[in-house]
């Protein structure tokens, strides 16, 4: 689910769209100090990277991974799974 279709989708260093690895919907999580109580945090990892986006030289440089927080979801754009 990419909640904001007007924003660009996360891409890896080769320009490929990265698949969604995991997502946390904060409205579904019991309240935790220091964490949001709404929105979603999404984790994307490059499908062509052998070590799941880790950059050994600079672990904070997101060449082949992204962590994205969306505070407000666009309610008109929803994906459902059955």
PDB file of N, CA and C in Angstrom:
ATOM      1  N   UNK A   1       0.849  -1.176   0.000  1.00  0.00           N
ATOM      2  CA  UNK A   1       0.000   0.000   0.000  1.00  0.00           C
ATOM      3  C   UNK A   1       0.889   1.231   0.000  1.00  0.00           C
ATOM      4  N   UNK A   2       0.727   2.073  -0.950  1.00  0.00           N
ATOM      5  CA  UNK A   2       1.409   3.370  -0.965  1.00  0.00           C
ATOM      6  C   UNK A   2       0.330   4.416  -0.790  1.00  0.00           C
ATOM      7  N   UNK A   3       0.172   4.971   0.420  1.00  0.00           N
ATOM      8  CA  UNK A   3      -0.985   5.784   0.740  1.00  0.00           C
ATOM      9  C   UNK A   3      -1.098   7.104  -0.012  1.00  0.00           C
ATOM     10  N   UNK A   4      -0.019   7.587  -0.557  1.00  0.00           N
ATOM     11  CA  UNK A   4      -0.057   8.887  -1.227  1.00  0.00           C
ATOM     12  C   UNK A   4       0.398   8.744  -2.669  1.00  0.00           C
ATOM     13  N   UNK A   5      -0.552   8.481  -3.582  1.00  0.00           N
ATOM     14  CA  UNK A   5      -0.161   8.238  -4.971  1.00  0.00           C
ATOM     15  C   UNK A   5       0.519   9.426  -5.654  1.00  0.00           C
ATOM     16  N   UNK A   6       0.430  10.617  -5.080  1.00  0.00           N
ATOM     17  CA  UNK A   6       1.071  11.794  -5.680  1.00  0.00           C
ATOM     18  C   UNK A   6       2.532  11.925  -5.268  1.00  0.00           C
ATOM     19  N   UNK A   7       2.990  11.121  -4.307  1.00  0.00           N
ATOM     20  CA  UNK A   7       4.405  11.113  -3.927  1.00  0.00           C
ATOM     21  C   UNK A   7       5.123  10.013  -4.700  1.00  0.00           C
ATOM     22  N   UNK A   8       6.416  10.177  -4.911  1.00  0.00           N
ATOM     23  CA  UNK A   8       7.145   9.155  -5.658  1.00  0.00           C
ATOM     24  C   UNK A   8       7.400   7.928  -4.788  1.00  0.00           C
ATOM     25  N   UNK A   9       7.260   6.781  -5.412  1.00  0.00           N
ATOM     26  CA  UNK A   9       7.427   5.496  -4.747  1.00  0.00           C
ATOM     27  C   UNK A   9       8.916   5.256  -4.484  1.00  0.00           C
ATOM     28  N   UNK A  10       9.284   4.641  -3.375  1.00  0.00           N
ATOM     29  CA  UNK A  10      10.703   4.400  -3.070  1.00  0.00           C
ATOM     30  C   UNK A  10      11.388   3.526  -4.131  1.00  0.00           C
ATOM     31  N   UNK A  11      12.561   3.982  -4.564  1.00  0.00           N
ATOM     32  CA  UNK A  11      13.348   3.242  -5.561  1.00  0.00           C
ATOM     33  C   UNK A  11      14.744   3.007  -5.016  1.00  0.00           C
ATOM     34  N   UNK A  12      15.362   1.915  -5.469  1.00  0.00           N
ATOM     35  CA  UNK A  12      16.721   1.605  -5.025  1.00  0.00           C
ATOM     36  C   UNK A  12      17.742   2.381  -5.842  1.00  0.00           C
ATOM     37  N   UNK A  13      19.028   2.140  -5.601  1.00  0.00           N
ATOM     38  CA  UNK A  13      20.083   2.903  -6.270  1.00  0.00           C
ATOM     39  C   UNK A  13      20.136   2.657  -7.777  1.00  0.00           C
ATOM     40  N   UNK A  14      19.523   1.569  -8.251  1.00  0.00           N
ATOM     41  CA  UNK A  14      19.476   1.284  -9.691  1.00  0.00           C
ATOM     42  C   UNK A  14      18.212   1.817 -10.350  1.00  0.00           C
ATOM     43  N   UNK A  15      17.325   2.409  -9.545  1.00  0.00           N
ATOM     44  CA  UNK A  15      16.097   2.974 -10.073  1.00  0.00           C
ATOM     45  C   UNK A  15      14.909   2.025 -10.091  1.00  0.00           C
ATOM     46  N   UNK A  16      15.067   0.829  -9.506  1.00  0.00           N
ATOM     47  CA  UNK A  16      13.961  -0.127  -9.436  1.00  0.00           C
ATOM     48  C   UNK A  16      13.062   0.188  -8.239  1.00  0.00           C
ATOM     49  N   UNK A  17      11.758   0.005  -8.409  1.00  0.00           N
ATOM     50  CA  UNK A  17      10.833   0.170  -7.299  1.00  0.00           C
ATOM     51  C   UNK A  17      11.090  -0.934  -6.277  1.00  0.00           C
ATOM     52  N   UNK A  18      11.183  -0.538  -5.007  1.00  0.00           N
ATOM     53  CA  UNK A  18      11.468  -1.509  -3.952  1.00  0.00           C
ATOM     54  C   UNK A  18      10.166  -2.097  -3.413  1.00  0.00           C
ATOM     55  N   UNK A  19      10.138  -3.411  -3.200  1.00  0.00           N
ATOM     56  CA  UNK A  19       8.937  -4.007  -2.623  1.00  0.00           C
ATOM     57  C   UNK A  19       8.786  -3.647  -1.143  1.00  0.00           C
ATOM     58  N   UNK A  20       7.530  -3.602  -0.721  1.00  0.00           N
ATOM     59  CA  UNK A  20       7.229  -3.372   0.688  1.00  0.00           C
ATOM     60  C   UNK A  20       7.623  -4.613   1.479  1.00  0.00           C
ATOM     61  N   UNK A  21       8.463  -4.440   2.485  1.00  0.00           N
ATOM     62  CA  UNK A  21       8.947  -5.546   3.307  1.00  0.00           C
ATOM     63  C   UNK A  21       8.057  -5.744   4.535  1.00  0.00           C
ATOM     64  N   UNK A  22       7.684  -4.627   5.177  1.00  0.00           N
ATOM     65  CA  UNK A  22       6.840  -4.693   6.373  1.00  0.00           C
ATOM     66  C   UNK A  22       6.152  -3.349   6.561  1.00  0.00           C
ATOM     67  N   UNK A  23       5.053  -3.388   7.306  1.00  0.00           N
ATOM     68  CA  UNK A  23       4.310  -2.158   7.574  1.00  0.00           C
ATOM     69  C   UNK A  23       3.704  -2.231   8.966  1.00  0.00           C
ATOM     70  N   UNK A  24       3.772  -1.126   9.699  1.00  0.00           N
ATOM     71  CA  UNK A  24       3.142  -1.025  11.012  1.00  0.00           C
ATOM     72  C   UNK A  24       2.040   0.019  10.912  1.00  0.00           C
ATOM     73  N   UNK A  25       0.812  -0.389  11.203  1.00  0.00           N
ATOM     74  CA  UNK A  25      -0.309   0.545  11.291  1.00  0.00           C
ATOM     75  C   UNK A  25      -0.437   0.910  12.763  1.00  0.00           C
ATOM     76  N   UNK A  26      -0.048   2.131  13.105  1.00  0.00           N
ATOM     77  CA  UNK A  26       0.055   2.528  14.505  1.00  0.00           C
ATOM     78  C   UNK A  26      -1.292   2.569  15.206  1.00  0.00           C
ATOM     79  N   UNK A  27      -2.382   2.711  14.490  1.00  0.00           N
ATOM     80  CA  UNK A  27      -3.708   2.686  15.108  1.00  0.00           C
ATOM     81  C   UNK A  27      -4.037   1.295  15.645  1.00  0.00           C
ATOM     82  N   UNK A  28      -3.369   0.253  15.127  1.00  0.00           N
ATOM     83  CA  UNK A  28      -3.609  -1.126  15.557  1.00  0.00           C
ATOM     84  C   UNK A  28      -2.650  -1.595  16.646  1.00  0.00           C
ATOM     85  N   UNK A  29      -1.725  -0.734  17.049  1.00  0.00           N
ATOM     86  CA  UNK A  29      -0.704  -1.103  18.029  1.00  0.00           C
ATOM     87  C   UNK A  29      -1.061  -0.480  19.376  1.00  0.00           C
ATOM     88  N   UNK A  30      -0.965  -1.239  20.475  1.00  0.00           N
ATOM     89  CA  UNK A  30      -1.193  -0.630  21.791  1.00  0.00           C
ATOM     90  C   UNK A  30      -0.268   0.576  21.981  1.00  0.00           C
ATOM     91  N   UNK A  31      -0.727   1.552  22.698  1.00  0.00           N
ATOM     92  CA  UNK A  31       0.024   2.791  22.907  1.00  0.00           C
ATOM     93  C   UNK A  31       1.412   2.509  23.480  1.00  0.00           C
ATOM     94  N   UNK A  32       2.422   3.096  22.827  1.00  0.00           N
ATOM     95  CA  UNK A  32       3.812   2.958  23.264  1.00  0.00           C
ATOM     96  C   UNK A  32       4.415   4.347  23.436  1.00  0.00           C
ATOM     97  N   UNK A  33       5.036   4.597  24.547  1.00  0.00           N
ATOM     98  CA  UNK A  33       5.664   5.897  24.792  1.00  0.00           C
ATOM     99  C   UNK A  33       6.717   6.177  23.729  1.00  0.00           C
ATOM    100  N   UNK A  34       6.667   7.368  23.159  1.00  0.00           N
ATOM    101  CA  UNK A  34       7.656   7.771  22.163  1.00  0.00           C
ATOM    102  C   UNK A  34       7.330   7.352  20.737  1.00  0.00           C
ATOM    103  N   UNK A  35       6.201   6.669  20.535  1.00  0.00           N
ATOM    104  CA  UNK A  35       5.793   6.233  19.203  1.00  0.00           C
ATOM    105  C   UNK A  35       4.456   6.868  18.848  1.00  0.00           C
ATOM    106  N   UNK A  36       4.176   7.012  17.554  1.00  0.00           N
ATOM    107  CA  UNK A  36       2.903   7.624  17.162  1.00  0.00           C
ATOM    108  C   UNK A  36       1.721   6.714  17.489  1.00  0.00           C
ATOM    109  N   UNK A  37       0.521   7.301  17.525  1.00  0.00           N
ATOM    110  CA  UNK A  37      -0.683   6.503  17.753  1.00  0.00           C
ATOM    111  C   UNK A  37      -1.584   6.468  16.520  1.00  0.00           C
ATOM    112  N   UNK A  38      -1.068   6.988  15.408  1.00  0.00           N
ATOM    113  CA  UNK A  38      -1.796   6.920  14.137  1.00  0.00           C
ATOM    114  C   UNK A  38      -0.787   6.932  12.998  1.00  0.00           C
ATOM    115  N   UNK A  39      -1.279   6.666  11.797  1.00  0.00           N
ATOM    116  CA  UNK A  39      -0.414   6.631  10.624  1.00  0.00           C
ATOM    117  C   UNK A  39       0.220   5.257  10.450  1.00  0.00           C
ATOM    118  N   UNK A  40       1.094   5.158   9.451  1.00  0.00           N
ATOM    119  CA  UNK A  40       1.784   3.903   9.182  1.00  0.00           C
ATOM    120  C   UNK A  40       3.273   4.161   8.972  1.00  0.00           C
ATOM    121  N   UNK A  41       4.074   3.194   9.377  1.00  0.00           N
ATOM    122  CA  UNK A  41       5.502   3.174   9.074  1.00  0.00           C
ATOM    123  C   UNK A  41       5.720   2.006   8.129  1.00  0.00           C
ATOM    124  N   UNK A  42       6.379   2.282   7.009  1.00  0.00           N
ATOM    125  CA  UNK A  42       6.607   1.254   5.994  1.00  0.00           C
ATOM    126  C   UNK A  42       8.104   1.057   5.794  1.00  0.00           C
ATOM    127  N   UNK A  43       8.468  -0.205   5.572  1.00  0.00           N
ATOM    128  CA  UNK A  43       9.863  -0.595   5.371  1.00  0.00           C
ATOM    129  C   UNK A  43       9.990  -1.189   3.969  1.00  0.00           C
ATOM    130  N   UNK A  44      10.855  -0.599   3.159  1.00  0.00           N
ATOM    131  CA  UNK A  44      11.100  -1.051   1.788  1.00  0.00           C
ATOM    132  C   UNK A  44      12.542  -1.521   1.676  1.00  0.00           C
ATOM    133  N   UNK A  45      12.743  -2.625   0.959  1.00  0.00           N
ATOM    134  CA  UNK A  45      14.080  -3.178   0.769  1.00  0.00           C
ATOM    135  C   UNK A  45      14.242  -3.557  -0.700  1.00  0.00           C
ATOM    136  N   UNK A  46      15.378  -3.254  -1.265  1.00  0.00           N
ATOM    137  CA  UNK A  46      15.653  -3.559  -2.666  1.00  0.00           C
ATOM    138  C   UNK A  46      15.578  -5.065  -2.922  1.00  0.00           C
ATOM    139  N   UNK A  47      14.940  -5.427  -4.016  1.00  0.00           N
ATOM    140  CA  UNK A  47      14.826  -6.838  -4.401  1.00  0.00           C
ATOM    141  C   UNK A  47      16.091  -7.344  -5.087  1.00  0.00           C
ATOM    142  N   UNK A  48      16.985  -6.441  -5.490  1.00  0.00           N
ATOM    143  CA  UNK A  48      18.199  -6.858  -6.203  1.00  0.00           C
ATOM    144  C   UNK A  48      19.449  -6.733  -5.334  1.00  0.00           C
ATOM    145  N   UNK A  49      19.265  -6.507  -4.042  1.00  0.00           N
ATOM    146  CA  UNK A  49      20.383  -6.360  -3.125  1.00  0.00           C
ATOM    147  C   UNK A  49      20.525  -7.644  -2.303  1.00  0.00           C
ATOM    148  N   UNK A  50      21.705  -8.244  -2.305  1.00  0.00           N
ATOM    149  CA  UNK A  50      21.931  -9.513  -1.619  1.00  0.00           C
ATOM    150  C   UNK A  50      21.886  -9.418  -0.094  1.00  0.00           C
ATOM    151  N   UNK A  51      22.098  -8.219   0.452  1.00  0.00           N
ATOM    152  CA  UNK A  51      22.156  -8.092   1.911  1.00  0.00           C
ATOM    153  C   UNK A  51      21.061  -7.155   2.440  1.00  0.00           C
ATOM    154  N   UNK A  52      19.907  -7.188   1.788  1.00  0.00           N
ATOM    155  CA  UNK A  52      18.714  -6.485   2.250  1.00  0.00           C
ATOM    156  C   UNK A  52      18.928  -4.998   2.511  1.00  0.00           C
ATOM    157  N   UNK A  53      19.653  -4.344   1.637  1.00  0.00           N
ATOM    158  CA  UNK A  53      19.791  -2.902   1.706  1.00  0.00           C
ATOM    159  C   UNK A  53      20.876  -2.378   2.617  1.00  0.00           C
ATOM    160  N   UNK A  54      21.569  -3.238   3.308  1.00  0.00           N
ATOM    161  CA  UNK A  54      22.612  -2.782   4.238  1.00  0.00           C
ATOM    162  C   UNK A  54      23.802  -2.237   3.448  1.00  0.00           C
ATOM    163  N   UNK A  55      24.253  -1.062   3.818  1.00  0.00           N
ATOM    164  CA  UNK A  55      25.448  -0.466   3.238  1.00  0.00           C
ATOM    165  C   UNK A  55      26.534  -0.582   4.298  1.00  0.00           C
ATOM    166  N   UNK A  56      27.470  -1.488   4.109  1.00  0.00           N
ATOM    167  CA  UNK A  56      28.501  -1.770   5.107  1.00  0.00           C
ATOM    168  C   UNK A  56      29.336  -0.534   5.430  1.00  0.00           C
ATOM    169  N   UNK A  57      29.647   0.283   4.426  1.00  0.00           N
ATOM    170  CA  UNK A  57      30.481   1.466   4.639  1.00  0.00           C
ATOM    171  C   UNK A  57      29.737   2.569   5.392  1.00  0.00           C
ATOM    172  N   UNK A  58      28.442   2.736   5.130  1.00  0.00           N
ATOM    173  CA  UNK A  58      27.658   3.789   5.779  1.00  0.00           C
ATOM    174  C   UNK A  58      26.253   3.249   6.025  1.00  0.00           C
ATOM    175  N   UNK A  59      26.023   2.734   7.200  1.00  0.00           N
ATOM    176  CA  UNK A  59      24.759   2.060   7.517  1.00  0.00           C
ATOM    177  C   UNK A  59      23.558   3.004   7.559  1.00  0.00           C
ATOM    178  N   UNK A  60      23.791   4.303   7.600  1.00  0.00           N
ATOM    179  CA  UNK A  60      22.676   5.245   7.636  1.00  0.00           C
ATOM    180  C   UNK A  60      22.277   5.736   6.248  1.00  0.00           C
ATOM    181  N   UNK A  61      23.056   5.382   5.230  1.00  0.00           N
ATOM    182  CA  UNK A  61      22.750   5.830   3.865  1.00  0.00           C
ATOM    183  C   UNK A  61      21.733   4.876   3.223  1.00  0.00           C
ATOM    184  N   UNK A  62      20.530   5.369   2.913  1.00  0.00           N
ATOM    185  CA  UNK A  62      19.466   4.491   2.408  1.00  0.00           C
ATOM    186  C   UNK A  62      19.497   4.285   0.893  1.00  0.00           C
ATOM    187  N   UNK A  63      20.549   3.682   0.381  1.00  0.00           N
ATOM    188  CA  UNK A  63      20.614   3.420  -1.055  1.00  0.00           C
ATOM    189  C   UNK A  63      19.627   2.347  -1.476  1.00  0.00           C
ATOM    190  N   UNK A  64      19.539   1.282  -0.700  1.00  0.00           N
ATOM    191  CA  UNK A  64      18.708   0.144  -1.084  1.00  0.00           C
ATOM    192  C   UNK A  64      17.685  -0.238  -0.022  1.00  0.00           C
ATOM    193  N   UNK A  65      17.339   0.720   0.830  1.00  0.00           N
ATOM    194  CA  UNK A  65      16.242   0.534   1.771  1.00  0.00           C
ATOM    195  C   UNK A  65      15.624   1.897   2.074  1.00  0.00           C
ATOM    196  N   UNK A  66      14.384   1.887   2.511  1.00  0.00           N
ATOM    197  CA  UNK A  66      13.719   3.112   2.948  1.00  0.00           C
ATOM    198  C   UNK A  66      12.804   2.765   4.112  1.00  0.00           C
ATOM    199  N   UNK A  67      12.712   3.676   5.063  1.00  0.00           N
ATOM    200  CA  UNK A  67      11.722   3.614   6.126  1.00  0.00           C
ATOM    201  C   UNK A  67      10.919   4.896   5.984  1.00  0.00           C
ATOM    202  N   UNK A  68       9.618   4.747   5.749  1.00  0.00           N
ATOM    203  CA  UNK A  68       8.760   5.892   5.452  1.00  0.00           C
ATOM    204  C   UNK A  68       7.618   5.931   6.460  1.00  0.00           C
ATOM    205  N   UNK A  69       7.389   7.108   7.050  1.00  0.00           N
ATOM    206  CA  UNK A  69       6.264   7.296   7.964  1.00  0.00           C
ATOM    207  C   UNK A  69       5.240   8.206   7.294  1.00  0.00           C
ATOM    208  N   UNK A  70       3.993   7.760   7.279  1.00  0.00           N
ATOM    209  CA  UNK A  70       2.878   8.563   6.764  1.00  0.00           C
ATOM    210  C   UNK A  70       1.946   8.837   7.933  1.00  0.00           C
ATOM    211  N   UNK A  71       1.897  10.091   8.361  1.00  0.00           N
ATOM    212  CA  UNK A  71       1.056  10.439   9.507  1.00  0.00           C
ATOM    213  C   UNK A  71      -0.424  10.360   9.156  1.00  0.00           C
ATOM    214  N   UNK A  72      -0.760  10.871   7.988  1.00  0.00           N
ATOM    215  CA  UNK A  72      -2.147  10.878   7.551  1.00  0.00           C
ATOM    216  C   UNK A  72      -2.289  10.025   6.303  1.00  0.00           C
ATOM    217  N   UNK A  73      -3.212   9.095   6.346  1.00  0.00           N
ATOM    218  CA  UNK A  73      -3.464   8.251   5.185  1.00  0.00           C
ATOM    219  C   UNK A  73      -4.534   8.881   4.314  1.00  0.00           C
ATOM    220  N   UNK A  74      -4.355   8.764   3.023  1.00  0.00           N
ATOM    221  CA  UNK A  74      -5.367   9.239   2.081  1.00  0.00           C
ATOM    222  C   UNK A  74      -6.510   8.231   2.106  1.00  0.00           C
ATOM    223  N   UNK A  75      -7.617   8.582   2.714  1.00  0.00           N
ATOM    224  CA  UNK A  75      -8.721   7.652   2.907  1.00  0.00           C
ATOM    225  C   UNK A  75      -9.387   7.248   1.590  1.00  0.00           C
ATOM    226  N   UNK A  76      -9.174   7.980   0.517  1.00  0.00           N
ATOM    227  CA  UNK A  76      -9.761   7.630  -0.758  1.00  0.00           C
ATOM    228  C   UNK A  76      -8.983   6.550  -1.504  1.00  0.00           C
ATOM    229  N   UNK A  77      -7.818   6.181  -1.004  1.00  0.00           N
ATOM    230  CA  UNK A  77      -6.965   5.198  -1.676  1.00  0.00           C
ATOM    231  C   UNK A  77      -6.673   4.084  -0.685  1.00  0.00           C
ATOM    232  N   UNK A  78      -7.332   2.950  -0.849  1.00  0.00           N
ATOM    233  CA  UNK A  78      -7.134   1.855   0.076  1.00  0.00           C
ATOM    234  C   UNK A  78      -6.946   0.550  -0.680  1.00  0.00           C
ATOM    235  N   UNK A  79      -6.128  -0.304  -0.131  1.00  0.00           N
ATOM    236  CA  UNK A  79      -5.913  -1.628  -0.683  1.00  0.00           C
ATOM    237  C   UNK A  79      -6.454  -2.625   0.326  1.00  0.00           C
ATOM    238  N   UNK A  80      -7.235  -3.592  -0.143  1.00  0.00           N
ATOM    239  CA  UNK A  80      -7.740  -4.618   0.756  1.00  0.00           C
ATOM    240  C   UNK A  80      -7.241  -5.976   0.303  1.00  0.00           C
ATOM    241  N   UNK A  81      -7.049  -6.843   1.247  1.00  0.00           N
ATOM    242  CA  UNK A  81      -6.575  -8.198   0.961  1.00  0.00           C
ATOM    243  C   UNK A  81      -7.603  -9.190   1.495  1.00  0.00           C
ATOM    244  N   UNK A  82      -7.855 -10.221   0.732  1.00  0.00           N
ATOM    245  CA  UNK A  82      -8.808 -11.259   1.178  1.00  0.00           C
ATOM    246  C   UNK A  82      -8.132 -12.602   1.217  1.00  0.00           C
TER     247      UNK A  82
END
